[in-house]
Amino acid sequence: MKHYEVEILDAKTREKLCFLDKVEPQATIAEIKNLFTKTHPQWYPARQSLRLDPKGKSLKDEDVLQKLPVGTTATLYFRDLGAQISWVTVFLTEYAGPLFIYLLFYFRVPFIYGHKYDFTSSRHTVVHACTCHSLHYVKRLLETLFVHRFSHGTMPLRNIFKNCTYYWGFAAWMAYYINHPLYTPPTYGAQQVKLALAIFVICQLGNFSIHMALRDLRPAGSKTRKIPYPTKNPFTWLFLLVSCPNYTYEVGSWIGFAIMTQCLPVALFSLVGFTQMTIWAKGKHRSYLKEFRDYPPLRMPIIPFLL
């Protein structure tokens, strides 16, 4: 059997970092990363990005050496992705923060609104929308533990600080105003709250339904990608019109919460979230179109017929 020689160079300096002799033709990039780690333990596989060109795209872990456009002496370029952290840890940290922070304002712990308001409660019923906020993040935590299946096991550690600043900061900002002693209830009173609550609940159920449908597409421990289609669950029928209905429902939930509380910080959080999720949805939509030739042409990334 013909074996390969693999030379790994630093993508920036072109310095030779490692030379692997007698590598099996069927070896995957993941296996090569493991061999590289034996000579450079500080760069564990999740930190490694191996590519054919110094400025090219990272090779996938499942790519097979003999199927790559290389000779029997292959040259790969290495980039350090930095310290990594598991996606499960990231999500648990991101979502536990808002849950805890919001409750601090809801129960008006000392040093937030002044001594006379310590551990008091608002006289406005809508302020108890705290339940909606809390249930949303409890749902996210449970989905992280029992529903989501991640195609990538880790992300750069530095990103967690940015993500937590976003989630935790907005949670504090929203909670401060909604639970403030001077907070005024929605203009149209109970009718506005009930309508918004219905929007919020429906969208939360829709979001959960989409997450379950996506989970069922990927067997545990695999990176299989398939075209998502509607199931018997009516909430999944939105797949007929958009590629990422989980984002559609997520935005809808926060719009409902914004209407319910009539609070500007919530509206801004919804807008920022919509902007980011639109970017993600467009990326996934392009990926689907590129990967699947028979991808349904009617679908839009996040908003039916528009966007």
C-alpha atoms as a PDB file:
ATOM      1  CA  MET A   1       0.000   0.000   0.000  1.00  0.00           C
ATOM      2  CA  LYS A   2       1.278   3.439  -0.945  1.00  0.00           C
ATOM      3  CA  HIS A   3       1.773   5.674   2.080  1.00  0.00           C
ATOM      4  CA  TYR A   4       1.845   9.452   2.296  1.00  0.00           C
ATOM      5  CA  GLU A   5       4.278  11.844   3.867  1.00  0.00           C
ATOM      6  CA  VAL A   6       2.628  14.852   5.486  1.00  0.00           C
ATOM      7  CA  GLU A   7       4.508  18.054   6.150  1.00  0.00           C
ATOM      8  CA  ILE A   8       2.803  20.613   8.394  1.00  0.00           C
ATOM      9  CA  LEU A   9       3.944  24.228   8.164  1.00  0.00           C
ATOM     10  CA  ASP A  10       2.987  27.309  10.131  1.00  0.00           C
ATOM     11  CA  ALA A  11       0.567  29.260   7.926  1.00  0.00           C
ATOM     12  CA  LYS A  12       2.104  32.608   8.938  1.00  0.00           C
ATOM     13  CA  THR A  13       5.845  31.954   9.090  1.00  0.00           C
ATOM     14  CA  ARG A  14       6.066  28.851   6.829  1.00  0.00           C
ATOM     15  CA  GLU A  15       8.179  27.243   9.557  1.00  0.00           C
ATOM     16  CA  LYS A  16       8.110  23.445   9.492  1.00  0.00           C
ATOM     17  CA  LEU A  17       6.260  22.268  12.596  1.00  0.00           C
ATOM     18  CA  CYS A  18       5.907  18.577  11.984  1.00  0.00           C
ATOM     19  CA  PHE A  19       6.754  15.820   9.512  1.00  0.00           C
ATOM     20  CA  LEU A  20       4.602  12.698   9.515  1.00  0.00           C
ATOM     21  CA  ASP A  21       5.946   9.634   7.760  1.00  0.00           C
ATOM     22  CA  LYS A  22       3.999   6.617   6.474  1.00  0.00           C
ATOM     23  CA  VAL A  23       0.527   8.098   6.854  1.00  0.00           C
ATOM     24  CA  GLU A  24      -2.260   5.809   5.665  1.00  0.00           C
ATOM     25  CA  PRO A  25      -4.031   7.019   2.470  1.00  0.00           C
ATOM     26  CA  GLN A  26      -7.394   6.604   4.212  1.00  0.00           C
ATOM     27  CA  ALA A  27      -6.326   8.814   7.117  1.00  0.00           C
ATOM     28  CA  THR A  28      -8.721  11.652   7.842  1.00  0.00           C
ATOM     29  CA  ILE A  29      -7.791  15.197   8.782  1.00  0.00           C
ATOM     30  CA  ALA A  30      -9.023  14.401  12.303  1.00  0.00           C
ATOM     31  CA  GLU A  31      -6.498  11.552  12.522  1.00  0.00           C
ATOM     32  CA  ILE A  32      -3.723  13.783  11.200  1.00  0.00           C
ATOM     33  CA  LYS A  33      -4.596  16.358  13.862  1.00  0.00           C
ATOM     34  CA  ASN A  34      -4.240  13.655  16.516  1.00  0.00           C
ATOM     35  CA  LEU A  35      -0.802  12.713  15.151  1.00  0.00           C
ATOM     36  CA  PHE A  36       0.195  16.383  15.143  1.00  0.00           C
ATOM     37  CA  THR A  37      -0.896  16.718  18.782  1.00  0.00           C
ATOM     38  CA  LYS A  38       1.556  13.987  19.799  1.00  0.00           C
ATOM     39  CA  THR A  39       4.463  16.231  18.796  1.00  0.00           C
ATOM     40  CA  HIS A  40       2.808  19.499  19.890  1.00  0.00           C
ATOM     41  CA  PRO A  41       0.547  18.739  22.900  1.00  0.00           C
ATOM     42  CA  GLN A  42      -0.231  22.440  23.417  1.00  0.00           C
ATOM     43  CA  TRP A  43      -2.249  22.378  20.193  1.00  0.00           C
ATOM     44  CA  TYR A  44      -4.999  19.866  20.846  1.00  0.00           C
ATOM     45  CA  PRO A  45      -7.158  18.924  17.823  1.00  0.00           C
ATOM     46  CA  ALA A  46      -9.936  21.449  18.522  1.00  0.00           C
ATOM     47  CA  ARG A  47      -7.373  24.288  18.374  1.00  0.00           C
ATOM     48  CA  GLN A  48      -6.026  23.206  14.997  1.00  0.00           C
ATOM     49  CA  SER A  49      -7.007  24.511  11.599  1.00  0.00           C
ATOM     50  CA  LEU A  50      -5.314  22.606   8.794  1.00  0.00           C
ATOM     51  CA  ARG A  51      -5.584  23.866   5.223  1.00  0.00           C
ATOM     52  CA  LEU A  52      -4.086  23.291   1.784  1.00  0.00           C
ATOM     53  CA  ASP A  53      -3.269  26.964   1.329  1.00  0.00           C
ATOM     54  CA  PRO A  54      -2.031  29.385   4.012  1.00  0.00           C
ATOM     55  CA  LYS A  55      -4.998  31.686   3.345  1.00  0.00           C
ATOM     56  CA  GLY A  56      -7.451  29.023   2.266  1.00  0.00           C
ATOM     57  CA  LYS A  57     -10.391  27.431   4.045  1.00  0.00           C
ATOM     58  CA  SER A  58      -9.952  24.944   6.867  1.00  0.00           C
ATOM     59  CA  LEU A  59     -10.173  21.310   5.882  1.00  0.00           C
ATOM     60  CA  LYS A  60     -12.990  19.319   7.454  1.00  0.00           C
ATOM     61  CA  ASP A  61     -12.172  16.669  10.016  1.00  0.00           C
ATOM     62  CA  GLU A  62     -13.833  14.018   7.858  1.00  0.00           C
ATOM     63  CA  ASP A  63     -11.794  14.859   4.710  1.00  0.00           C
ATOM     64  CA  VAL A  64      -9.701  11.869   3.608  1.00  0.00           C
ATOM     65  CA  LEU A  65      -6.041  12.438   2.723  1.00  0.00           C
ATOM     66  CA  GLN A  66      -5.990  10.486  -0.548  1.00  0.00           C
ATOM     67  CA  LYS A  67      -9.044  12.391  -1.837  1.00  0.00           C
ATOM     68  CA  LEU A  68      -7.363  15.768  -1.394  1.00  0.00           C
ATOM     69  CA  PRO A  69      -5.527  17.454  -4.302  1.00  0.00           C
ATOM     70  CA  VAL A  70      -2.083  16.561  -2.945  1.00  0.00           C
ATOM     71  CA  GLY A  71       0.769  14.282  -3.987  1.00  0.00           C
ATOM     72  CA  THR A  72       2.267  11.496  -1.924  1.00  0.00           C
ATOM     73  CA  THR A  73       4.151  14.227  -0.070  1.00  0.00           C
ATOM     74  CA  ALA A  74       1.398  16.495   1.202  1.00  0.00           C
ATOM     75  CA  THR A  75       1.959  19.966   2.593  1.00  0.00           C
ATOM     76  CA  LEU A  76      -0.618  21.265   5.064  1.00  0.00           C
ATOM     77  CA  TYR A  77      -0.680  24.675   6.716  1.00  0.00           C
ATOM     78  CA  PHE A  78      -1.519  25.080  10.390  1.00  0.00           C
ATOM     79  CA  ARG A  79      -3.266  27.946  12.174  1.00  0.00           C
ATOM     80  CA  ASP A  80      -3.905  28.077  15.893  1.00  0.00           C
ATOM     81  CA  LEU A  81      -7.591  28.750  16.599  1.00  0.00           C
ATOM     82  CA  GLY A  82      -6.831  29.653  20.202  1.00  0.00           C
ATOM     83  CA  ALA A  83      -8.143  28.165  23.422  1.00  0.00           C
ATOM     84  CA  GLN A  84     -11.450  26.376  22.867  1.00  0.00           C
ATOM     85  CA  ILE A  85     -14.539  25.806  24.982  1.00  0.00           C
ATOM     86  CA  SER A  86     -17.412  23.382  24.383  1.00  0.00           C
ATOM     87  CA  TRP A  87     -20.614  24.739  22.866  1.00  0.00           C
ATOM     88  CA  VAL A  88     -22.617  23.170  25.689  1.00  0.00           C
ATOM     89  CA  THR A  89     -20.617  25.148  28.260  1.00  0.00           C
ATOM     90  CA  VAL A  90     -20.999  28.316  26.176  1.00  0.00           C
ATOM     91  CA  PHE A  91     -24.772  28.010  25.915  1.00  0.00           C
ATOM     92  CA  LEU A  92     -25.235  27.099  29.562  1.00  0.00           C
ATOM     93  CA  THR A  93     -23.206  30.151  30.579  1.00  0.00           C
ATOM     94  CA  GLU A  94     -24.968  32.484  28.158  1.00  0.00           C
ATOM     95  CA  TYR A  95     -28.457  31.416  29.211  1.00  0.00           C
ATOM     96  CA  ALA A  96     -28.019  30.933  32.956  1.00  0.00           C
ATOM     97  CA  GLY A  97     -26.827  34.544  33.288  1.00  0.00           C
ATOM     98  CA  PRO A  98     -30.013  36.273  32.016  1.00  0.00           C
ATOM     99  CA  LEU A  99     -32.177  33.913  34.073  1.00  0.00           C
ATOM    100  CA  PHE A 100     -30.378  34.830  37.297  1.00  0.00           C
ATOM    101  CA  ILE A 101     -29.866  38.530  36.508  1.00  0.00           C
ATOM    102  CA  TYR A 102     -33.510  39.190  35.631  1.00  0.00           C
ATOM    103  CA  LEU A 103     -34.658  37.660  38.915  1.00  0.00           C
ATOM    104  CA  LEU A 104     -32.394  40.018  40.876  1.00  0.00           C
ATOM    105  CA  PHE A 105     -34.343  42.975  39.493  1.00  0.00           C
ATOM    106  CA  TYR A 106     -37.706  41.231  39.731  1.00  0.00           C
ATOM    107  CA  PHE A 107     -37.261  40.591  43.464  1.00  0.00           C
ATOM    108  CA  ARG A 108     -35.690  44.038  43.853  1.00  0.00           C
ATOM    109  CA  VAL A 109     -32.696  42.921  45.844  1.00  0.00           C
ATOM    110  CA  PRO A 110     -30.928  45.687  47.814  1.00  0.00           C
ATOM    111  CA  PHE A 111     -28.819  48.395  46.123  1.00  0.00           C
ATOM    112  CA  ILE A 112     -30.808  48.380  42.860  1.00  0.00           C
ATOM    113  CA  TYR A 113     -33.738  50.756  43.321  1.00  0.00           C
ATOM    114  CA  GLY A 114     -33.132  52.217  46.758  1.00  0.00           C
ATOM    115  CA  HIS A 115     -33.575  50.925  50.287  1.00  0.00           C
ATOM    116  CA  LYS A 116     -37.337  51.514  50.556  1.00  0.00           C
ATOM    117  CA  TYR A 117     -37.971  49.275  47.552  1.00  0.00           C
ATOM    118  CA  ASP A 118     -35.880  46.317  48.747  1.00  0.00           C
ATOM    119  CA  PHE A 119     -37.745  43.027  48.188  1.00  0.00           C
ATOM    120  CA  THR A 120     -40.977  44.805  47.268  1.00  0.00           C
ATOM    121  CA  SER A 121     -43.120  43.801  44.300  1.00  0.00           C
ATOM    122  CA  SER A 122     -44.634  45.849  41.506  1.00  0.00           C
ATOM    123  CA  ARG A 123     -48.311  46.720  41.607  1.00  0.00           C
ATOM    124  CA  HIS A 124     -48.599  46.130  37.855  1.00  0.00           C
ATOM    125  CA  THR A 125     -49.631  42.640  36.770  1.00  0.00           C
ATOM    126  CA  VAL A 126     -47.677  42.818  33.517  1.00  0.00           C
ATOM    127  CA  VAL A 127     -44.405  43.004  35.437  1.00  0.00           C
ATOM    128  CA  HIS A 128     -44.926  39.348  36.229  1.00  0.00           C
ATOM    129  CA  ALA A 129     -43.947  38.801  32.593  1.00  0.00           C
ATOM    130  CA  CYS A 130     -40.835  37.747  34.463  1.00  0.00           C
ATOM    131  CA  THR A 131     -42.364  34.278  34.149  1.00  0.00           C
ATOM    132  CA  CYS A 132     -42.136  34.472  30.354  1.00  0.00           C
ATOM    133  CA  HIS A 133     -38.540  35.647  30.447  1.00  0.00           C
ATOM    134  CA  SER A 134     -37.561  32.959  32.951  1.00  0.00           C
ATOM    135  CA  LEU A 135     -39.342  30.139  31.126  1.00  0.00           C
ATOM    136  CA  HIS A 136     -37.668  31.178  27.878  1.00  0.00           C
ATOM    137  CA  TYR A 137     -34.193  30.751  29.355  1.00  0.00           C
ATOM    138  CA  VAL A 138     -35.111  27.596  31.269  1.00  0.00           C
ATOM    139  CA  LYS A 139     -36.275  26.199  27.913  1.00  0.00           C
ATOM    140  CA  ARG A 140     -32.964  27.176  26.322  1.00  0.00           C
ATOM    141  CA  LEU A 141     -30.972  25.519  29.095  1.00  0.00           C
ATOM    142  CA  LEU A 142     -32.952  22.293  28.817  1.00  0.00           C
ATOM    143  CA  GLU A 143     -32.646  22.290  25.017  1.00  0.00           C
ATOM    144  CA  THR A 144     -28.882  22.712  25.335  1.00  0.00           C
ATOM    145  CA  LEU A 145     -28.681  19.685  27.613  1.00  0.00           C
ATOM    146  CA  PHE A 146     -31.196  17.361  25.973  1.00  0.00           C
ATOM    147  CA  VAL A 147     -32.122  18.526  22.453  1.00  0.00           C
ATOM    148  CA  HIS A 148     -29.356  20.276  20.520  1.00  0.00           C
ATOM    149  CA  ARG A 149     -26.776  18.262  18.612  1.00  0.00           C
ATOM    150  CA  PHE A 150     -23.761  20.326  17.670  1.00  0.00           C
ATOM    151  CA  SER A 151     -21.875  19.853  14.398  1.00  0.00           C
ATOM    152  CA  HIS A 152     -18.861  21.570  15.974  1.00  0.00           C
ATOM    153  CA  GLY A 153     -17.844  20.581  19.474  1.00  0.00           C
ATOM    154  CA  THR A 154     -16.084  23.782  20.473  1.00  0.00           C
ATOM    155  CA  MET A 155     -15.749  27.503  19.837  1.00  0.00           C
ATOM    156  CA  PRO A 156     -12.953  29.984  20.674  1.00  0.00           C
ATOM    157  CA  LEU A 157     -12.920  30.805  24.388  1.00  0.00           C
ATOM    158  CA  ARG A 158     -12.658  34.548  23.679  1.00  0.00           C
ATOM    159  CA  ASN A 159     -16.137  34.525  22.082  1.00  0.00           C
ATOM    160  CA  ILE A 160     -17.854  33.617  25.324  1.00  0.00           C
ATOM    161  CA  PHE A 161     -17.041  37.024  26.815  1.00  0.00           C
ATOM    162  CA  LYS A 162     -18.615  38.814  23.855  1.00  0.00           C
ATOM    163  CA  ASN A 163     -21.690  36.591  23.896  1.00  0.00           C
ATOM    164  CA  CYS A 164     -22.203  36.885  27.640  1.00  0.00           C
ATOM    165  CA  THR A 165     -21.867  40.663  27.482  1.00  0.00           C
ATOM    166  CA  TYR A 166     -24.682  40.705  24.930  1.00  0.00           C
ATOM    167  CA  TYR A 167     -27.087  38.363  26.740  1.00  0.00           C
ATOM    168  CA  TRP A 168     -26.323  39.402  30.302  1.00  0.00           C
ATOM    169  CA  GLY A 169     -26.154  43.120  29.518  1.00  0.00           C
ATOM    170  CA  PHE A 170     -29.474  43.232  27.710  1.00  0.00           C
ATOM    171  CA  ALA A 171     -31.126  41.122  30.430  1.00  0.00           C
ATOM    172  CA  ALA A 172     -30.033  43.633  33.086  1.00  0.00           C
ATOM    173  CA  TRP A 173     -31.096  46.611  30.967  1.00  0.00           C
ATOM    174  CA  MET A 174     -34.549  45.173  30.248  1.00  0.00           C
ATOM    175  CA  ALA A 175     -35.118  43.984  33.794  1.00  0.00           C
ATOM    176  CA  TYR A 176     -34.096  47.336  35.297  1.00  0.00           C
ATOM    177  CA  TYR A 177     -36.829  49.237  33.451  1.00  0.00           C
ATOM    178  CA  ILE A 178     -39.574  46.597  33.541  1.00  0.00           C
ATOM    179  CA  ASN A 179     -39.239  46.134  37.302  1.00  0.00           C
ATOM    180  CA  HIS A 180     -38.591  49.802  38.105  1.00  0.00           C
ATOM    181  CA  PRO A 181     -40.923  51.394  40.692  1.00  0.00           C
ATOM    182  CA  LEU A 182     -41.821  54.084  38.120  1.00  0.00           C
ATOM    183  CA  TYR A 183     -42.636  51.589  35.352  1.00  0.00           C
ATOM    184  CA  THR A 184     -45.913  52.319  33.574  1.00  0.00           C
ATOM    185  CA  PRO A 185     -48.039  49.477  32.120  1.00  0.00           C
ATOM    186  CA  PRO A 186     -48.868  49.073  28.413  1.00  0.00           C
ATOM    187  CA  THR A 187     -51.103  51.670  26.781  1.00  0.00           C
ATOM    188  CA  TYR A 188     -53.945  49.276  25.983  1.00  0.00           C
ATOM    189  CA  GLY A 189     -53.801  47.426  29.281  1.00  0.00           C
ATOM    190  CA  ALA A 190     -54.855  43.803  29.687  1.00  0.00           C
ATOM    191  CA  GLN A 191     -55.907  43.371  26.052  1.00  0.00           C
ATOM    192  CA  GLN A 192     -52.419  44.297  24.833  1.00  0.00           C
ATOM    193  CA  VAL A 193     -50.795  42.002  27.383  1.00  0.00           C
ATOM    194  CA  LYS A 194     -53.019  39.025  26.519  1.00  0.00           C
ATOM    195  CA  LEU A 195     -52.466  39.415  22.779  1.00  0.00           C
ATOM    196  CA  ALA A 196     -48.707  39.703  23.243  1.00  0.00           C
ATOM    197  CA  LEU A 197     -48.690  36.743  25.620  1.00  0.00           C
ATOM    198  CA  ALA A 198     -50.440  34.630  22.981  1.00  0.00           C
ATOM    199  CA  ILE A 199     -47.803  35.638  20.400  1.00  0.00           C
ATOM    200  CA  PHE A 200     -45.022  34.810  22.838  1.00  0.00           C
ATOM    201  CA  VAL A 201     -46.392  31.369  23.779  1.00  0.00           C
ATOM    202  CA  ILE A 202     -47.151  30.365  20.180  1.00  0.00           C
ATOM    203  CA  CYS A 203     -43.667  31.374  19.034  1.00  0.00           C
ATOM    204  CA  GLN A 204     -42.010  29.568  21.938  1.00  0.00           C
ATOM    205  CA  LEU A 205     -43.873  26.374  21.037  1.00  0.00           C
ATOM    206  CA  GLY A 206     -42.932  26.884  17.393  1.00  0.00           C
ATOM    207  CA  ASN A 207     -39.282  27.412  18.241  1.00  0.00           C
ATOM    208  CA  PHE A 208     -39.189  24.244  20.348  1.00  0.00           C
ATOM    209  CA  SER A 209     -40.940  22.253  17.604  1.00  0.00           C
ATOM    210  CA  ILE A 210     -38.352  23.332  15.030  1.00  0.00           C
ATOM    211  CA  HIS A 211     -35.490  22.421  17.360  1.00  0.00           C
ATOM    212  CA  MET A 212     -36.977  18.946  17.818  1.00  0.00           C
ATOM    213  CA  ALA A 213     -37.426  18.525  14.062  1.00  0.00           C
ATOM    214  CA  LEU A 214     -33.811  19.557  13.422  1.00  0.00           C
ATOM    215  CA  ARG A 215     -32.616  17.195  16.151  1.00  0.00           C
ATOM    216  CA  ASP A 216     -34.360  14.268  14.482  1.00  0.00           C
ATOM    217  CA  LEU A 217     -32.514  15.018  11.222  1.00  0.00           C
ATOM    218  CA  ARG A 218     -29.106  14.343  12.774  1.00  0.00           C
ATOM    219  CA  PRO A 219     -28.452  10.985  14.466  1.00  0.00           C
ATOM    220  CA  ALA A 220     -26.511  11.238  17.713  1.00  0.00           C
ATOM    221  CA  GLY A 221     -22.765  11.421  17.173  1.00  0.00           C
ATOM    222  CA  SER A 222     -22.984  12.201  13.451  1.00  0.00           C
ATOM    223  CA  LYS A 223     -22.565  15.303  11.302  1.00  0.00           C
ATOM    224  CA  THR A 224     -25.176  14.268   8.760  1.00  0.00           C
ATOM    225  CA  ARG A 225     -26.889  17.150   6.973  1.00  0.00           C
ATOM    226  CA  LYS A 226     -30.303  16.763   5.368  1.00  0.00           C
ATOM    227  CA  ILE A 227     -32.914  19.119   3.970  1.00  0.00           C
ATOM    228  CA  PRO A 228     -35.419  19.880   6.760  1.00  0.00           C
ATOM    229  CA  TYR A 229     -39.033  19.351   5.766  1.00  0.00           C
ATOM    230  CA  PRO A 230     -42.346  19.916   7.591  1.00  0.00           C
ATOM    231  CA  THR A 231     -43.609  17.103   9.790  1.00  0.00           C
ATOM    232  CA  LYS A 232     -47.092  16.364  11.101  1.00  0.00           C
ATOM    233  CA  ASN A 233     -46.539  19.054  13.723  1.00  0.00           C
ATOM    234  CA  PRO A 234     -48.253  22.230  12.368  1.00  0.00           C
ATOM    235  CA  PHE A 235     -45.535  24.446  13.867  1.00  0.00           C
ATOM    236  CA  THR A 236     -43.026  22.895  11.449  1.00  0.00           C
ATOM    237  CA  TRP A 237     -45.072  23.851   8.384  1.00  0.00           C
ATOM    238  CA  LEU A 238     -43.163  27.118   8.327  1.00  0.00           C
ATOM    239  CA  PHE A 239     -40.385  25.061   6.700  1.00  0.00           C
ATOM    240  CA  LEU A 240     -42.451  25.395   3.512  1.00  0.00           C
ATOM    241  CA  LEU A 241     -41.548  29.085   3.355  1.00  0.00           C
ATOM    242  CA  VAL A 242     -38.303  29.684   5.252  1.00  0.00           C
ATOM    243  CA  SER A 243     -35.021  27.863   5.776  1.00  0.00           C
ATOM    244  CA  CYS A 244     -34.608  28.807   9.452  1.00  0.00           C
ATOM    245  CA  PRO A 245     -38.048  28.956  11.091  1.00  0.00           C
ATOM    246  CA  ASN A 246     -36.425  28.546  14.512  1.00  0.00           C
ATOM    247  CA  TYR A 247     -35.064  32.078  14.072  1.00  0.00           C
ATOM    248  CA  THR A 248     -38.440  33.298  12.777  1.00  0.00           C
ATOM    249  CA  TYR A 249     -40.158  32.001  15.905  1.00  0.00           C
ATOM    250  CA  GLU A 250     -37.369  33.336  18.139  1.00  0.00           C
ATOM    251  CA  VAL A 251     -37.786  36.862  16.767  1.00  0.00           C
ATOM    252  CA  GLY A 252     -41.555  36.526  17.070  1.00  0.00           C
ATOM    253  CA  SER A 253     -41.206  35.614  20.756  1.00  0.00           C
ATOM    254  CA  TRP A 254     -39.218  38.740  21.529  1.00  0.00           C
ATOM    255  CA  ILE A 255     -41.582  40.934  19.523  1.00  0.00           C
ATOM    256  CA  GLY A 256     -44.385  39.516  21.652  1.00  0.00           C
ATOM    257  CA  PHE A 257     -42.400  40.237  24.817  1.00  0.00           C
ATOM    258  CA  ALA A 258     -41.721  43.791  23.617  1.00  0.00           C
ATOM    259  CA  ILE A 259     -45.430  44.412  22.972  1.00  0.00           C
ATOM    260  CA  MET A 260     -46.316  42.826  26.303  1.00  0.00           C
ATOM    261  CA  THR A 261     -43.989  45.017  28.354  1.00  0.00           C
ATOM    262  CA  GLN A 262     -43.987  48.079  26.057  1.00  0.00           C
ATOM    263  CA  CYS A 263     -40.348  48.583  26.971  1.00  0.00           C
ATOM    264  CA  LEU A 264     -37.793  50.211  24.636  1.00  0.00           C
ATOM    265  CA  PRO A 265     -34.793  48.062  25.749  1.00  0.00           C
ATOM    266  CA  VAL A 266     -36.788  44.921  24.871  1.00  0.00           C
ATOM    267  CA  ALA A 267     -37.579  46.359  21.440  1.00  0.00           C
ATOM    268  CA  LEU A 268     -33.892  47.138  20.876  1.00  0.00           C
ATOM    269  CA  PHE A 269     -32.922  43.642  22.020  1.00  0.00           C
ATOM    270  CA  SER A 270     -35.430  42.245  19.519  1.00  0.00           C
ATOM    271  CA  LEU A 271     -33.984  44.405  16.723  1.00  0.00           C
ATOM    272  CA  VAL A 272     -30.384  43.466  17.457  1.00  0.00           C
ATOM    273  CA  GLY A 273     -31.358  39.795  17.734  1.00  0.00           C
ATOM    274  CA  PHE A 274     -33.276  39.954  14.461  1.00  0.00           C
ATOM    275  CA  THR A 275     -30.277  41.504  12.705  1.00  0.00           C
ATOM    276  CA  GLN A 276     -27.908  38.807  13.942  1.00  0.00           C
ATOM    277  CA  MET A 277     -30.311  35.948  13.258  1.00  0.00           C
ATOM    278  CA  THR A 278     -30.911  37.262   9.740  1.00  0.00           C
ATOM    279  CA  ILE A 279     -27.153  37.033   9.103  1.00  0.00           C
ATOM    280  CA  TRP A 280     -27.099  33.462  10.424  1.00  0.00           C
ATOM    281  CA  ALA A 281     -30.213  32.516   8.448  1.00  0.00           C
ATOM    282  CA  LYS A 282     -28.793  33.889   5.190  1.00  0.00           C
ATOM    283  CA  GLY A 283     -25.600  31.921   5.764  1.00  0.00           C
ATOM    284  CA  LYS A 284     -27.492  28.678   6.381  1.00  0.00           C
ATOM    285  CA  HIS A 285     -29.756  29.347   3.397  1.00  0.00           C
ATOM    286  CA  ARG A 286     -26.738  29.795   1.098  1.00  0.00           C
ATOM    287  CA  SER A 287     -25.223  26.629   2.530  1.00  0.00           C
ATOM    288  CA  TYR A 288     -28.406  24.650   1.823  1.00  0.00           C
ATOM    289  CA  LEU A 289     -28.568  25.954  -1.763  1.00  0.00           C
ATOM    290  CA  LYS A 290     -24.931  25.080  -2.352  1.00  0.00           C
ATOM    291  CA  GLU A 291     -25.131  21.609  -0.826  1.00  0.00           C
ATOM    292  CA  PHE A 292     -28.524  20.437  -2.103  1.00  0.00           C
ATOM    293  CA  ARG A 293     -29.437  20.872  -5.759  1.00  0.00           C
ATOM    294  CA  ASP A 294     -33.049  19.944  -5.084  1.00  0.00           C
ATOM    295  CA  TYR A 295     -33.468  22.489  -2.282  1.00  0.00           C
ATOM    296  CA  PRO A 296     -37.025  23.972  -2.310  1.00  0.00           C
ATOM    297  CA  PRO A 297     -36.819  27.205  -4.378  1.00  0.00           C
ATOM    298  CA  LEU A 298     -39.726  28.934  -2.630  1.00  0.00           C
ATOM    299  CA  ARG A 299     -37.977  29.224   0.722  1.00  0.00           C
ATOM    300  CA  MET A 300     -36.492  32.460   2.026  1.00  0.00           C
ATOM    301  CA  PRO A 301     -33.918  32.606   4.867  1.00  0.00           C
ATOM    302  CA  ILE A 302     -36.071  33.958   7.733  1.00  0.00           C
ATOM    303  CA  ILE A 303     -39.158  35.939   6.609  1.00  0.00           C
ATOM    304  CA  PRO A 304     -41.568  34.334   4.114  1.00  0.00           C
ATOM    305  CA  PHE A 305     -41.510  35.968   0.645  1.00  0.00           C
ATOM    306  CA  LEU A 306     -39.339  38.869   1.875  1.00  0.00           C
ATOM    307  CA  LEU A 307     -36.005  38.041   3.476  1.00  0.00           C
END
